[in-house]
N, C-alpha and C. Protein backbone atom coordinates (compact mmCIF):
# COMPACT_ATOMS: atom_id res chain seq x y z
N UNK A 1 18.30 6.07 16.34
CA UNK A 1 16.81 5.61 15.66
C UNK A 1 16.41 4.29 16.30
N UNK A 2 15.44 4.35 17.18
CA UNK A 2 14.84 3.15 18.04
C UNK A 2 14.24 2.57 17.08
N UNK A 3 14.63 0.85 17.69
CA UNK A 3 14.60 -0.24 17.36
C UNK A 3 12.68 -0.52 16.85
N UNK A 4 12.06 0.41 17.56
CA UNK A 4 10.47 0.83 17.00
C UNK A 4 10.21 1.58 15.85
N UNK A 5 11.11 2.62 15.63
CA UNK A 5 11.43 3.20 14.43
C UNK A 5 11.46 2.22 13.39
N UNK A 6 13.05 1.75 14.00
CA UNK A 6 13.36 1.27 12.07
C UNK A 6 12.05 0.23 12.01
N UNK A 7 11.60 -0.41 13.02
CA UNK A 7 10.52 -1.87 12.34
C UNK A 7 9.46 -1.00 11.93
N UNK A 8 8.85 0.00 12.17
CA UNK A 8 7.93 0.94 11.62
C UNK A 8 8.33 1.08 10.58
N UNK A 9 9.46 1.83 10.18
CA UNK A 9 9.79 2.04 8.51
C UNK A 9 9.74 1.01 8.05
N UNK A 10 10.26 -0.44 8.71
CA UNK A 10 10.50 -0.96 7.64
C UNK A 10 8.84 -1.88 7.31
N UNK A 11 8.44 -2.02 8.33
CA UNK A 11 6.42 -2.62 7.85
C UNK A 11 5.89 -1.71 7.02
N UNK A 12 6.08 -0.36 7.01
CA UNK A 12 5.61 0.86 5.86
C UNK A 12 5.85 0.36 4.48
N UNK A 13 7.65 0.15 4.74
CA UNK A 13 7.90 0.27 3.45
C UNK A 13 7.69 -1.17 2.92
N UNK A 14 7.09 -2.13 3.18
CA UNK A 14 6.76 -3.62 3.08
C UNK A 14 5.86 -3.59 2.66
N UNK A 15 4.57 -2.87 3.18
CA UNK A 15 3.61 -2.24 2.65
C UNK A 15 3.35 -1.81 1.53
N UNK A 16 4.18 -0.81 1.45
CA UNK A 16 4.11 0.35 0.17
C UNK A 16 4.58 -0.88 -0.94
N UNK A 17 5.54 -1.70 -0.70
CA UNK A 17 5.89 -2.30 -2.20
C UNK A 17 5.11 -3.84 -2.06
N UNK A 18 4.66 -4.17 -1.47
CA UNK A 18 3.06 -4.97 -1.81
C UNK A 18 2.12 -4.13 -2.74
N UNK A 19 1.54 -2.95 -2.09
CA UNK A 19 0.71 -1.95 -2.92
C UNK A 19 1.17 -1.73 -4.51
N UNK A 20 2.45 -1.17 -4.71
CA UNK A 20 2.94 -0.85 -5.72
C UNK A 20 3.13 -2.06 -6.83
N UNK A 21 3.47 -3.18 -6.46
CA UNK A 21 3.23 -4.65 -7.06
C UNK A 21 1.92 -4.54 -7.47
N UNK A 22 1.03 -4.65 -6.36
CA UNK A 22 -0.85 -4.38 -7.04
C UNK A 22 -1.18 -3.67 -8.28
N UNK A 23 -0.16 -2.27 -7.58
CA UNK A 23 -0.67 -1.38 -8.85
C UNK A 23 -0.19 -1.16 -10.43
N UNK A 24 1.12 -2.34 -11.06
CA UNK A 24 1.54 -2.96 -11.54
C UNK A 24 1.17 -3.57 -12.17
N UNK A 25 0.58 -4.75 -11.35
CA UNK A 25 -0.24 -6.07 -11.78
C UNK A 25 -1.65 -5.14 -12.74
N UNK A 26 -2.39 -4.63 -11.92
CA UNK A 26 -3.54 -3.44 -12.40
C UNK A 26 -3.15 -3.17 -13.83
N UNK A 27 -2.17 -2.00 -14.19
CA UNK A 27 -1.45 -1.18 -14.98
C UNK A 27 -1.02 -2.29 -16.42
N UNK A 28 -0.72 -3.35 -15.33
CA UNK A 28 -0.19 -4.07 -16.93
C UNK A 28 -1.64 -5.53 -17.67
N UNK A 29 -2.06 -5.53 -16.96
CA UNK A 29 -3.39 -6.38 -17.08
C UNK A 29 -4.01 -6.29 -18.36
N UNK A 30 -3.92 -6.14 -19.62
CA UNK A 30 -5.13 -6.01 -20.07
C UNK A 30 -6.42 -6.61 -20.04
N UNK A 31 -6.32 -7.20 -19.09
CA UNK A 31 -8.24 -7.83 -19.19
C UNK A 31 -8.76 -6.65 -18.19
N UNK A 32 -8.18 -5.88 -17.45
CA UNK A 32 -8.83 -5.04 -16.85
C UNK A 32 -9.08 -3.84 -17.69
N UNK A 33 -10.55 -3.62 -17.93
CA UNK A 33 -10.41 -2.46 -18.56
C UNK A 33 -9.94 -0.85 -17.66
N UNK A 34 -9.70 0.01 -18.75
CA UNK A 34 -9.20 1.23 -17.94
C UNK A 34 -10.33 2.27 -16.96
N UNK A 35 -11.46 1.48 -17.33
CA UNK A 35 -12.44 2.63 -15.91
C UNK A 35 -11.93 1.86 -15.04
N UNK A 36 -12.11 0.54 -14.49
CA UNK A 36 -12.16 -0.14 -14.02
C UNK A 36 -10.68 0.23 -12.81
N UNK A 37 -9.61 0.38 -13.65
CA UNK A 37 -8.45 0.69 -13.21
C UNK A 37 -8.25 1.87 -12.19
N UNK A 38 -8.78 2.68 -12.53
CA UNK A 38 -9.06 3.91 -11.62
C UNK A 38 -9.43 3.64 -10.29
N UNK A 39 -10.61 2.92 -10.32
CA UNK A 39 -11.11 2.69 -9.23
C UNK A 39 -10.42 1.60 -7.87
N UNK A 40 -9.78 0.52 -8.57
CA UNK A 40 -8.75 -0.34 -8.53
C UNK A 40 -7.60 0.53 -7.47
N UNK A 41 -7.10 1.73 -8.38
CA UNK A 41 -5.97 2.43 -7.30
C UNK A 41 -6.73 3.25 -6.42
N UNK A 42 -7.92 3.66 -6.71
CA UNK A 42 -8.11 4.25 -5.60
C UNK A 42 -8.89 3.56 -4.49
N UNK A 43 -9.33 2.35 -4.38
CA UNK A 43 -9.09 1.46 -3.37
C UNK A 43 -7.73 1.05 -3.14
N UNK A 44 -6.56 0.67 -3.45
CA UNK A 44 -5.52 0.57 -2.84
C UNK A 44 -4.56 1.89 -2.31
N UNK A 45 -5.40 2.89 -2.36
CA UNK A 45 -4.76 4.21 -1.49
C UNK A 45 -5.45 4.11 -0.64
N UNK A 46 -7.05 3.89 -0.43
CA UNK A 46 -7.48 3.76 1.12
C UNK A 46 -6.66 3.05 1.89
N UNK A 47 -6.54 1.80 0.82
CA UNK A 47 -6.02 0.87 1.78
C UNK A 47 -4.51 0.74 2.29
N UNK A 48 -3.76 1.66 1.67
CA UNK A 48 -2.26 2.34 1.94
C UNK A 48 -2.56 2.82 3.27
N UNK A 49 -2.99 4.21 3.43
CA UNK A 49 -3.76 4.77 4.32
C UNK A 49 -4.05 3.73 4.91
N UNK A 50 -5.02 3.52 5.35
CA UNK A 50 -5.69 2.26 6.35
C UNK A 50 -4.15 1.86 7.41
N UNK A 51 -3.75 0.88 6.28
CA UNK A 51 -2.70 0.37 6.48
C UNK A 51 -1.43 0.99 7.44
N UNK A 52 -0.99 1.86 6.67
CA UNK A 52 0.19 2.50 7.59
C UNK A 52 -0.60 3.31 9.11
N UNK A 53 -2.06 3.68 8.87
CA UNK A 53 -2.59 4.26 10.17
C UNK A 53 -2.24 3.18 11.69
N UNK A 54 -2.62 1.82 10.61
CA UNK A 54 -2.80 0.68 11.62
C UNK A 54 -1.06 0.69 12.15
N UNK A 55 -0.06 0.44 11.45
CA UNK A 55 1.19 0.15 11.83
C UNK A 55 1.87 1.06 12.79
N UNK A 56 1.32 3.16 12.40
CA UNK A 56 1.57 3.89 13.44
C UNK A 56 0.71 3.70 14.71
N UNK A 57 -0.23 3.61 14.75
CA UNK A 57 -0.96 3.00 16.00
C UNK A 57 -0.68 2.11 17.03
N UNK A 58 0.01 1.05 16.59
CA UNK A 58 0.94 -0.23 17.31
C UNK A 58 1.85 0.71 17.99
N UNK A 59 2.85 1.47 17.09
CA UNK A 59 3.82 2.03 18.11
C UNK A 59 3.64 3.01 19.30
N UNK A 60 2.08 3.43 18.73
CA UNK A 60 2.06 4.74 20.27
C UNK A 60 1.07 4.03 21.05
């Protein structure tokens, strides 16, 4: 595996870790209403996909 592939996978793993931490915060913060949680998770999904695309586009 090339160093670029390893670096790309590492970047994606880091992004996923950060998003996972935000999800944990959203799910455990009692001040966030349940109806807002769904919207926040959907927004995180969009950001996760866009971030992955940006990382992959840098490589190619």
